[in-house]
Protein backbone atom coordinates (compact mmCIF):
# COMPACT_ATOMS: atom_id res chain seq x y z
CA UNK A 1 252.10 -60.69 92.47
CA UNK A 2 253.83 -62.31 95.45
CA UNK A 3 255.42 -58.94 96.29
CA UNK A 4 252.01 -57.20 96.17
CA UNK A 5 250.62 -59.92 98.47
CA UNK A 6 253.52 -59.25 100.86
CA UNK A 7 252.65 -55.52 100.86
CA UNK A 8 249.01 -56.36 101.65
CA UNK A 9 249.95 -58.64 104.56
CA UNK A 10 252.40 -56.03 105.89
CA UNK A 11 249.69 -53.37 105.78
CA UNK A 12 247.21 -55.60 107.61
CA UNK A 13 249.78 -56.30 110.33
CA UNK A 14 250.46 -52.56 110.61
CA UNK A 15 246.71 -51.93 110.96
CA UNK A 16 246.45 -54.58 113.67
CA UNK A 17 249.37 -53.14 115.66
CA UNK A 18 247.89 -49.63 115.53
CA UNK A 19 244.34 -50.68 116.34
CA UNK A 20 245.39 -52.71 119.41
CA UNK A 21 247.78 -50.15 120.90
CA UNK A 22 246.72 -48.11 123.91
CA UNK A 23 245.70 -44.74 122.55
CA UNK A 24 242.71 -43.12 120.95
CA UNK A 25 240.51 -45.11 118.56
CA UNK A 26 242.06 -45.83 115.16
CA UNK A 27 240.33 -44.37 112.09
CA UNK A 28 240.30 -45.98 108.67
CA UNK A 29 240.43 -43.85 105.53
CA UNK A 30 240.18 -44.03 101.75
CA UNK A 31 242.08 -41.65 99.50
CA UNK A 32 242.56 -40.83 95.85
CA UNK A 33 244.34 -38.06 94.03
CA UNK A 34 246.31 -36.79 91.11
CA UNK A 35 249.55 -34.93 90.58
CA UNK A 36 252.77 -34.81 88.60
CA UNK A 37 255.46 -37.45 88.30
CA UNK A 38 258.91 -37.35 86.75
CA UNK A 39 262.36 -38.88 87.04
CA UNK A 40 265.22 -36.59 88.00
CA UNK A 41 268.67 -36.77 86.44
CA UNK A 42 271.48 -37.52 88.85
CA UNK A 43 274.90 -35.82 88.59
CA UNK A 44 276.26 -39.04 87.05
CA UNK A 45 273.87 -38.85 84.12
CA UNK A 46 275.61 -38.72 80.76
CA UNK A 47 275.16 -35.62 78.61
CA UNK A 48 273.73 -37.84 75.86
CA UNK A 49 270.96 -39.07 78.13
CA UNK A 50 267.37 -37.94 77.50
CA UNK A 51 265.76 -35.15 79.50
CA UNK A 52 262.55 -36.45 81.06
CA UNK A 53 259.67 -34.11 81.83
CA UNK A 54 256.70 -34.39 84.19
CA UNK A 55 253.51 -36.29 83.41
CA UNK A 56 250.10 -36.62 85.03
CA UNK A 57 249.94 -39.45 87.56
CA UNK A 58 247.12 -40.79 89.72
CA UNK A 59 247.10 -42.65 93.04
CA UNK A 60 244.49 -44.35 95.22
CA UNK A 61 244.43 -46.50 98.30
CA UNK A 62 243.40 -47.05 101.90
CA UNK A 63 244.91 -46.07 105.22
CA UNK A 64 244.67 -46.15 108.99
CA UNK A 65 245.55 -43.32 111.40
CA UNK A 66 245.72 -42.96 115.16
CA UNK A 67 246.52 -40.09 117.51
CA UNK A 68 248.71 -40.77 120.54
CA UNK A 69 248.52 -37.26 121.99
CA UNK A 70 246.53 -34.15 121.13
CA UNK A 71 249.31 -33.22 118.70
CA UNK A 72 251.07 -36.36 117.45
CA UNK A 73 249.89 -39.52 115.70
CA UNK A 74 250.84 -42.15 113.14
CA UNK A 75 249.37 -43.14 109.80
CA UNK A 76 249.81 -46.17 107.54
CA UNK A 77 248.74 -46.44 103.89
CA UNK A 78 248.57 -49.03 101.13
CA UNK A 79 248.61 -47.22 97.80
CA UNK A 80 248.57 -47.89 94.09
CA UNK A 81 250.53 -45.12 92.42
CA UNK A 82 251.64 -44.18 88.94
CA UNK A 83 255.19 -42.96 88.37
CA UNK A 84 257.32 -42.17 85.35
CA UNK A 85 257.89 -39.28 82.97
CA UNK A 86 257.31 -37.90 79.50
CA UNK A 87 260.32 -38.59 77.33
CA UNK A 88 259.19 -36.31 74.48
CA UNK A 89 258.03 -32.71 74.79
CA UNK A 90 254.88 -33.39 72.76
CA UNK A 91 253.88 -36.19 75.20
CA UNK A 92 254.18 -38.75 72.37
CA UNK A 93 256.35 -41.07 74.47
CA UNK A 94 255.49 -41.70 78.12
CA UNK A 95 257.27 -43.93 80.61
CA UNK A 96 254.82 -45.73 82.91
CA UNK A 97 255.83 -47.22 86.27
CA UNK A 98 252.83 -48.80 88.04
CA UNK A 99 253.66 -49.43 91.69
CA UNK A 100 252.32 -50.55 95.05
CA UNK A 101 253.51 -48.54 98.03
CA UNK A 102 253.35 -49.05 101.79
CA UNK A 103 253.55 -45.70 103.62
CA UNK A 104 254.43 -45.16 107.28
CA UNK A 105 254.05 -41.58 108.51
CA UNK A 106 254.08 -39.47 111.64
CA UNK A 107 251.76 -36.45 111.69
CA UNK A 108 251.83 -33.37 113.89
CA UNK A 109 248.82 -31.10 114.43
CA UNK A 110 249.94 -27.50 113.92
CA UNK A 111 246.40 -26.31 114.63
CA UNK A 112 243.26 -28.49 114.98
CA UNK A 113 242.53 -28.43 111.22
CA UNK A 114 246.08 -28.45 109.85
CA UNK A 115 248.67 -31.25 110.08
CA UNK A 116 252.26 -31.70 108.98
CA UNK A 117 253.29 -35.23 107.99
CA UNK A 118 256.63 -36.91 107.30
CA UNK A 119 257.38 -40.53 106.50
CA UNK A 120 258.85 -43.26 104.34
CA UNK A 121 257.39 -45.42 101.59
CA UNK A 122 258.88 -48.64 100.24
CA UNK A 123 257.42 -49.49 96.84
CA UNK A 124 257.34 -52.43 94.45
CA UNK A 125 256.87 -51.70 90.75
CA UNK A 126 254.96 -54.47 88.99
CA UNK A 127 254.83 -52.89 85.52
CA UNK A 128 257.27 -50.82 83.45
CA UNK A 129 256.08 -49.95 79.95
CA UNK A 130 255.76 -47.05 77.56
CA UNK A 131 252.50 -45.72 76.18
CA UNK A 132 252.80 -48.14 73.23
CA UNK A 133 252.59 -51.03 75.72
CA UNK A 134 256.20 -52.07 75.11
CA UNK A 135 257.98 -53.73 78.02
CA UNK A 136 261.16 -51.76 78.90
CA UNK A 137 262.55 -54.00 81.63
CA UNK A 138 265.50 -55.07 79.45
CA UNK A 139 266.77 -51.47 79.18
CA UNK A 140 266.09 -50.28 82.73
CA UNK A 141 267.66 -51.87 85.80
CA UNK A 142 267.02 -51.57 89.55
CA UNK A 143 263.49 -50.44 88.79
CA UNK A 144 261.32 -52.88 90.75
CA UNK A 145 262.15 -51.87 94.33
CA UNK A 146 262.29 -48.29 95.54
CA UNK A 147 262.22 -46.44 98.83
CA UNK A 148 260.96 -42.88 99.13
CA UNK A 149 260.84 -40.01 101.59
CA UNK A 150 257.45 -38.32 102.06
CA UNK A 151 256.63 -34.78 103.15
CA UNK A 152 253.15 -33.32 103.16
CA UNK A 153 250.34 -31.49 104.90
CA UNK A 154 246.70 -32.22 105.57
CA UNK A 155 243.85 -29.73 105.85
CA UNK A 156 240.70 -31.06 107.49
CA UNK A 157 237.76 -29.39 105.76
CA UNK A 158 235.40 -31.31 108.05
CA UNK A 159 236.01 -34.02 110.66
CA UNK A 160 235.76 -36.64 107.89
CA UNK A 161 236.95 -34.96 104.69
CA UNK A 162 240.47 -33.67 104.06
CA UNK A 163 242.80 -32.56 101.29
CA UNK A 164 246.46 -33.49 101.55
CA UNK A 165 249.25 -32.18 99.29
CA UNK A 166 252.43 -34.29 99.37
CA UNK A 167 255.80 -34.65 97.69
CA UNK A 168 257.61 -37.96 97.25
CA UNK A 169 261.32 -38.40 96.49
CA UNK A 170 262.72 -41.80 95.57
CA UNK A 171 266.05 -42.46 97.27
CA UNK A 172 267.09 -45.55 95.27
CA UNK A 173 268.29 -44.65 91.76
CA UNK A 174 266.90 -46.49 88.77
CA UNK A 175 269.23 -46.91 85.82
CA UNK A 176 269.28 -47.11 82.03
CA UNK A 177 271.97 -48.68 79.93
CA UNK A 178 272.52 -47.27 76.44
CA UNK A 179 275.12 -48.29 73.86
CA UNK A 180 276.97 -45.76 71.72
CA UNK A 181 279.49 -46.27 68.91
CA UNK A 182 281.98 -43.74 67.56
CA UNK A 183 283.79 -45.75 64.91
CA UNK A 184 281.19 -48.29 63.89
CA UNK A 185 283.11 -51.12 65.55
CA UNK A 186 283.65 -50.54 69.27
CA UNK A 187 280.70 -49.80 71.55
CA UNK A 188 280.63 -47.80 74.75
CA UNK A 189 278.09 -48.55 77.48
CA UNK A 190 276.72 -45.44 79.20
CA UNK A 191 274.81 -45.80 82.43
CA UNK A 192 272.33 -43.07 83.36
CA UNK A 193 270.82 -42.79 86.84
CA UNK A 194 267.43 -41.31 87.74
CA UNK A 195 265.32 -40.87 90.87
CA UNK A 196 261.53 -40.87 91.03
CA UNK A 197 259.82 -37.64 92.08
CA UNK A 198 256.09 -37.08 92.61
CA UNK A 199 254.09 -34.05 93.74
CA UNK A 200 250.34 -34.20 94.08
CA UNK A 201 247.22 -33.79 96.16
CA UNK A 202 244.94 -36.39 97.75
CA UNK A 203 241.29 -36.22 98.67
CA UNK A 204 240.66 -38.26 101.79
CA UNK A 205 237.61 -39.55 103.58
CA UNK A 206 238.23 -40.55 107.22
CA UNK A 207 235.77 -42.96 108.84
CA UNK A 208 234.69 -42.72 112.46
CA UNK A 209 235.61 -39.07 113.20
């Protein structure tokens, strides 16, 4: 919980720095959405490793945004997001990463109602379980901290309501360690590497527009 508290304090400091800078008035926002999450095999992944597939994943949070010119602005977000994958094709085994993320983005207005956004998102995962509520932290390593690249768009339906599709790619591999035996005596450790990937859409309400 200390890490989540750190993310909250960092977000509040980010909000303060934006709101006190010399530019247009800052606007607060709330957002929630749904999409698909999976973990992607890296080239180093062993051929005996499992093949994860996408699963439904939700996210929700708050944000602050501010324009510095008619075209360019910045946006910060504090999000709760689900990550993970289905490990069986019949969805009988699901890997659940529950994370807190702090997003920092730059947006560019292509036209008044359409924006392009790009940014980064450090995350802290506070829970790693399967759908049977079994803790998997002893098998997976490097799973708590992640950094991601963000790319998305925003369409302003009205001055206050927007929809925003976005993709998220985790740049820090998470790992699994499995043990195989060929002769019943000696064991071989195989390390598999995976990266988080999310694609989804948010529904946003922007205050003060």
